Protein backbone atom coordinates (compact mmCIF):
# COMPACT_ATOMS: atom_id res chain seq x y z
CA MET A 1 115.58 108.59 115.94
CA THR A 2 116.83 106.21 113.21
CA GLU A 3 119.40 104.75 115.60
CA GLU A 4 116.83 104.30 118.36
CA LEU A 5 114.44 102.75 115.86
CA GLN A 6 117.08 100.18 114.84
CA LEU A 7 116.23 100.02 111.18
CA PRO A 8 117.01 96.63 109.65
CA GLU A 9 119.90 96.42 107.21
CA PRO A 10 118.84 96.39 103.56
CA PRO A 11 119.54 93.22 101.56
CA VAL A 12 122.94 92.91 99.89
CA PHE A 13 123.53 90.84 96.77
CA SER A 14 126.78 89.34 95.62
CA ASP A 15 128.13 89.75 92.10
CA GLU A 16 127.45 86.05 91.58
CA GLN A 17 123.77 86.45 92.51
CA ILE A 18 123.37 89.37 90.12
CA ARG A 19 125.19 87.45 87.38
CA ARG A 20 122.81 84.51 87.74
CA CYS A 21 119.82 86.83 87.55
CA ARG A 22 121.16 88.47 84.39
CA GLU A 23 121.86 85.10 82.77
CA SER A 24 118.44 83.69 83.64
CA GLY A 25 116.65 86.91 82.75
CA SER A 26 114.77 86.73 86.05
CA PHE A 27 115.39 89.19 88.86
CA MET A 28 112.66 87.68 91.00
CA PRO A 29 115.16 86.43 93.65
CA VAL A 30 116.40 90.01 94.10
CA MET A 31 112.95 91.61 94.10
CA TYR A 32 111.69 88.96 96.50
CA GLU A 33 114.26 90.13 99.08
CA TRP A 34 113.53 93.82 98.51
CA TYR A 35 109.80 93.17 98.82
CA LYS A 36 110.40 91.26 102.04
CA TYR A 37 112.52 94.13 103.33
CA VAL A 38 109.80 96.71 102.64
CA CYS A 39 107.35 94.40 104.40
CA ARG A 40 109.61 94.45 107.46
CA LEU A 41 109.82 98.24 107.36
CA CYS A 42 106.05 98.51 107.11
CA ILE A 43 105.35 96.49 110.23
CA LEU A 44 108.20 98.25 112.03
CA PHE A 45 106.71 101.70 111.50
CA ALA A 46 103.20 100.42 112.20
CA SER A 47 104.45 99.15 115.57
CA ILE A 48 105.77 102.47 116.86
CA SER A 49 103.92 103.32 120.04
CA ARG A 50 101.69 106.37 120.13
CA GLU A 51 103.51 107.18 123.37
CA SER A 52 106.85 107.48 121.56
CA PRO A 53 108.42 110.95 121.99
CA ALA A 54 108.74 111.14 118.19
CA VAL A 55 104.97 110.90 117.71
CA ARG A 56 103.01 114.13 117.90
CA ASP A 57 99.83 114.51 119.91
CA LEU A 58 97.17 112.86 117.76
CA PRO A 59 93.68 111.57 118.50
CA ALA A 60 94.01 107.90 119.38
CA ILE A 61 91.52 106.83 116.72
CA GLN A 62 93.51 108.54 113.97
CA TYR A 63 96.74 106.85 115.03
CA SER A 64 94.95 103.50 115.22
CA VAL A 65 93.57 103.90 111.70
CA ILE A 66 96.94 104.77 110.14
CA THR A 67 98.92 102.09 111.95
CA GLY A 68 96.12 99.59 111.31
CA LEU A 69 96.27 100.31 107.58
CA LEU A 70 100.05 99.84 107.59
CA ASN A 71 99.64 96.59 109.50
CA ARG A 72 97.14 95.43 106.88
CA CYS A 73 99.67 96.20 104.13
CA SER A 74 102.43 94.26 105.86
CA ARG A 75 100.20 91.25 106.54
CA LEU A 76 99.00 91.06 102.95
CA MET A 77 102.59 91.47 101.72
CA LEU A 78 103.62 88.61 103.98
CA ALA A 79 100.88 86.46 102.45
CA ASN A 80 102.15 87.34 98.98
CA LEU A 81 105.66 86.29 99.96
CA ALA A 82 104.38 82.91 101.11
CA LEU A 83 102.26 82.41 98.00
CA ALA A 84 104.90 83.52 95.49
CA ARG A 85 107.75 81.54 96.99
CA ASN A 86 107.29 78.43 94.85
CA GLY A 87 106.27 80.16 91.64
CA ARG A 88 102.56 79.48 92.03
CA PHE A 89 99.36 81.30 93.05
CA GLY A 90 100.01 84.31 90.82
CA GLU A 91 96.25 84.73 90.47
CA THR A 92 96.01 85.19 94.23
CA THR A 93 98.96 87.55 94.62
CA ALA A 94 97.41 89.76 91.91
CA LEU A 95 94.19 89.84 93.92
CA LEU A 96 96.06 90.76 97.12
CA ASP A 97 98.02 93.42 95.25
CA ARG A 98 94.75 95.18 94.49
CA CYS A 99 93.88 95.12 98.20
CA ILE A 100 97.29 96.51 99.18
CA PHE A 101 97.00 99.19 96.51
CA GLU A 102 93.69 100.46 97.88
CA THR A 103 94.92 100.33 101.47
CA CYS A 104 98.01 102.40 100.63
CA VAL A 105 95.98 105.04 98.81
CA LYS A 106 93.56 105.34 101.71
CA ALA A 107 96.43 105.71 104.19
CA MET A 108 98.16 108.33 102.06
CA TRP A 109 94.92 110.28 101.51
CA LEU A 110 94.09 110.32 105.23
CA CYS A 111 97.61 111.49 106.07
CA HIS A 112 97.40 114.11 103.32
CA LYS A 113 94.09 115.49 104.61
CA GLY A 114 94.84 114.95 108.29
CA THR A 115 91.46 116.25 109.42
CA GLU A 116 88.86 114.89 111.80
CA ASP A 117 86.35 115.00 108.94
CA ALA A 118 88.51 112.81 106.70
CA PHE A 119 88.92 110.17 109.39
CA SER A 120 85.22 110.28 110.28
CA ARG A 121 84.37 109.69 106.63
CA TYR A 122 86.71 106.69 106.57
CA LEU A 123 85.19 105.21 109.72
CA ALA A 124 81.61 105.83 108.64
CA ASP A 125 82.28 104.26 105.24
CA GLY A 126 82.78 100.86 106.82
CA LEU A 127 80.10 101.25 109.47
CA ARG A 128 77.19 102.02 107.15
CA THR A 129 77.03 98.38 106.09
CA GLU A 130 77.13 97.33 109.73
CA ILE A 131 74.15 99.56 110.46
CA GLU A 132 72.25 98.13 107.50
CA LEU A 133 72.92 94.62 108.78
CA SER A 134 71.76 95.63 112.24
CA ALA A 135 68.49 96.91 110.78
CA GLU A 136 67.94 93.61 108.92
CA ILE A 137 68.54 91.62 112.11
CA GLN A 138 66.21 93.85 114.11
CA GLU A 139 63.51 93.45 111.46
CA ASN A 140 63.79 89.65 111.55
CA ILE A 141 63.50 89.74 115.34
CA SER A 142 60.37 91.90 115.10
CA LYS A 143 58.77 89.49 112.64
CA ARG A 144 58.95 86.71 115.20
CA GLU A 145 56.60 88.68 117.47
CA GLY A 146 58.22 88.33 120.82
CA ASN A 147 60.09 85.07 120.37
CA PRO A 148 63.51 85.06 122.00
CA VAL A 149 66.44 86.71 120.26
CA LEU A 150 68.70 84.05 118.77
CA ALA A 151 72.21 83.67 120.14
CA ILE A 152 73.74 84.43 116.74
CA GLU A 153 71.64 87.59 116.44
CA ASP A 154 72.71 88.71 119.88
CA ARG A 155 76.39 88.18 119.02
CA MET A 156 76.09 90.06 115.75
CA LEU A 157 74.23 93.02 117.27
CA LYS A 158 76.78 93.30 120.09
CA SER A 159 79.64 93.16 117.58
CA ILE A 160 78.11 95.94 115.48
CA LYS A 161 77.57 98.13 118.55
CA ARG A 162 81.19 97.54 119.56
CA HIS A 163 82.50 98.55 116.12
CA ILE A 164 80.51 101.78 116.24
CA ALA A 165 81.49 102.57 119.83
CA LEU A 166 85.21 102.03 119.19
CA ALA A 167 84.99 104.45 116.27
CA GLY A 168 83.73 107.10 118.67
CA LEU A 169 80.60 107.64 116.60
CA THR A 170 76.87 107.09 116.98
CA GLU A 171 74.60 105.48 114.40
CA GLU A 172 73.11 108.89 113.67
CA GLU A 173 76.57 110.39 113.10
CA VAL A 174 77.57 107.53 110.81
CA ILE A 175 74.47 108.03 108.65
CA ALA A 176 74.93 111.80 108.53
CA THR A 177 78.66 111.74 107.69
CA LYS A 178 79.70 112.72 104.18
CA ARG A 179 80.58 109.80 101.92
CA PHE A 180 84.19 108.67 101.67
CA PRO A 181 85.75 109.61 98.29
CA ASN A 182 86.39 106.97 95.64
CA MET A 183 89.87 105.96 94.55
CA ALA A 184 89.95 108.27 91.53
CA VAL A 185 89.21 111.30 93.72
CA MET A 186 91.73 110.32 96.38
CA MET A 187 94.49 109.73 93.85
CA HIS A 188 93.71 113.05 92.16
CA ASP A 189 93.96 114.79 95.53
CA LEU A 190 97.33 113.11 96.07
CA GLY A 191 98.61 114.23 92.67
CA ILE A 192 99.03 110.66 91.41
CA GLU A 193 98.86 110.42 87.64
CA ARG A 194 95.83 108.77 86.04
CA LEU A 195 97.90 105.85 84.70
CA TRP A 196 98.43 104.56 88.23
CA TYR A 197 94.68 104.62 88.80
CA VAL A 198 93.96 102.74 85.58
CA VAL A 199 96.64 100.09 86.20
CA GLY A 200 96.42 99.73 89.96
CA GLN A 201 92.69 100.19 90.51
CA ARG A 202 90.86 99.46 87.26
CA ILE A 203 93.10 96.69 85.89
CA GLY A 204 93.64 95.40 89.42
CA SER A 205 89.88 95.08 89.80
CA HIS A 206 89.86 92.38 87.11
CA HIS A 207 91.42 90.03 89.65
CA ILE A 208 88.84 90.93 92.30
CA HIS A 209 85.76 90.56 90.11
CA GLY A 210 86.75 87.71 87.80
CA THR A 211 86.26 89.59 84.54
CA TRP A 212 87.05 88.17 81.11
CA PRO A 213 90.62 89.56 81.08
CA SER A 214 91.13 87.93 84.47
CA LEU A 215 90.02 84.55 83.15
CA LEU A 216 92.36 84.85 80.17
CA THR A 217 95.27 85.88 82.38
CA HIS A 218 95.06 83.22 85.08
CA TYR A 219 92.30 80.66 84.58
CA LEU A 220 92.14 79.81 80.88
CA GLU A 221 94.82 79.11 78.27
CA GLU A 222 94.72 78.84 74.53
CA GLU A 223 95.72 75.59 72.91
CA ASP A 224 95.19 74.70 69.24
CA GLY A 225 92.60 77.42 68.86
CA SER A 226 90.60 76.35 71.92
CA LEU A 227 90.41 77.79 75.41
CA LEU A 228 91.13 75.19 78.08
CA LEU A 229 91.27 75.37 81.86
CA ARG A 230 94.68 76.47 83.10
CA ASP A 231 96.45 74.53 85.81
CA ASN A 232 97.70 76.07 89.04
CA ASP A 233 100.96 77.26 87.49
CA CYS A 234 100.65 81.05 87.56
CA SER A 235 103.73 82.77 88.90
CA THR A 236 103.95 86.24 90.39
CA HIS A 237 105.57 88.73 88.03
CA PRO A 238 108.51 90.66 89.52
CA ASN A 239 106.84 93.90 88.42
CA GLN A 240 104.11 93.17 90.97
CA PHE A 241 106.72 93.24 93.71
CA VAL A 242 108.24 96.44 92.32
CA ALA A 243 104.96 98.36 92.14
CA ILE A 244 103.67 97.29 95.54
CA ALA A 245 107.01 97.83 97.29
CA LEU A 246 107.22 101.39 95.93
CA LEU A 247 103.62 102.14 96.87
CA VAL A 248 104.04 100.82 100.41
CA LEU A 249 107.20 102.93 100.81
CA SER A 250 105.09 105.96 99.84
CA ALA A 251 102.46 105.02 102.41
CA ILE A 252 105.12 104.64 105.11
CA ALA A 253 106.59 108.03 104.19
CA ALA A 254 103.14 109.64 104.35
CA SER A 255 102.50 108.13 107.78
CA ILE A 256 105.81 109.47 109.08
CA ARG A 257 105.07 112.99 107.84
CA PHE A 258 101.64 112.86 109.45
CA THR A 259 102.42 111.22 112.79
CA PHE A 260 105.91 112.48 113.65
CA SER A 261 106.35 115.85 115.29
CA SER A 262 109.92 116.88 114.48
CA LYS A 263 111.57 117.60 111.14
CA GLU A 264 114.77 116.31 112.72
CA ASP A 265 113.12 112.88 112.91
CA ILE A 266 111.23 113.09 109.63
CA SER A 267 114.07 114.25 107.36
CA PRO A 268 116.54 111.35 107.87
CA LEU A 269 113.74 108.78 107.63
CA LYS A 270 112.50 110.42 104.42
CA ASP A 271 116.03 110.21 103.00
CA PHE A 272 116.33 106.60 104.10
CA LEU A 273 113.06 105.56 102.45
CA GLU A 274 114.03 107.39 99.27
CA SER A 275 117.34 105.50 99.20
CA ILE A 276 115.43 102.20 99.34
CA GLU A 277 113.18 103.40 96.52
CA VAL A 278 116.27 104.18 94.42
CA GLU A 279 117.66 100.68 94.93
CA ILE A 280 114.37 99.07 93.93
CA LEU A 281 114.11 101.28 90.86
CA LYS A 282 117.62 100.23 89.83
CA VAL A 283 116.43 96.63 89.72
CA ALA A 284 113.26 97.67 87.92
CA HIS A 285 115.25 99.46 85.22
CA VAL A 286 117.37 96.38 84.57
CA MET A 287 114.25 94.21 84.45
CA ALA A 288 112.64 96.59 81.96
CA LYS A 289 115.55 96.39 79.50
CA GLY A 290 114.10 96.36 76.00
CA ASP A 291 110.57 97.18 77.14
CA PHE A 292 110.82 100.72 75.83
CA ASP A 293 112.57 99.97 72.57
CA ALA A 294 110.69 101.04 69.46
CA VAL A 295 108.84 98.25 67.68
CA SER A 296 109.66 98.17 63.98
């Protein structure tokens, strides 16, 4: 399967490249390439046809959800690569990291559960807001007492109906479906330690919601005892690339275990993904030199 899949070759770094990174103290050039490589793997596995002999017989909607989530991860990773390239827009890559984090956890949880109920809960979670919007539009139409439906209202109502129909649900089923679990519950189900939830979800939410820590990190800077507006000079930290690359590898691995039918296909791909994880962790360990030394 791995030969047929034509997995791309991992990046290779010369001794000179590694020497320059060590001298500068920045391994961002190396992590940039590993992050880009994981991005390529993500879209590759998302693109495998449901008709592939390696893919087991799954409901079409379930396969669409998992591959769609992987596609979302790869697209957001690609955006991060473009933003981080020139050492700017760190405030935006942090925001996108939070989005990738949540997408990976959802994909892993759905693959872990693998039930029709779990996927229905995911689908209904997004459609409840659509139904609420539909009700608001319908109410506004009723208030006009017979005046023609506006073109924009017609487009929106048709779009909402399409979203519900493609999910294979009715409005009544959406409303009756059990709520989708929050991130803490999903990560607990997956056996992910609480620290990942605090850092990835709670701390990551600072960048989504614009909290005080977010302002101090990216939008304000201290100078002579005063807080001034910070210029657009925030770089992406290499640890962001490490964490997201490892998480996306875990999501890819979960999707393979869920969608592939044969252990003969799953086992070598699992080993391959683990080998990539090892290489990324090697870089991470060098980057973290001194971080775990005792402070006197």
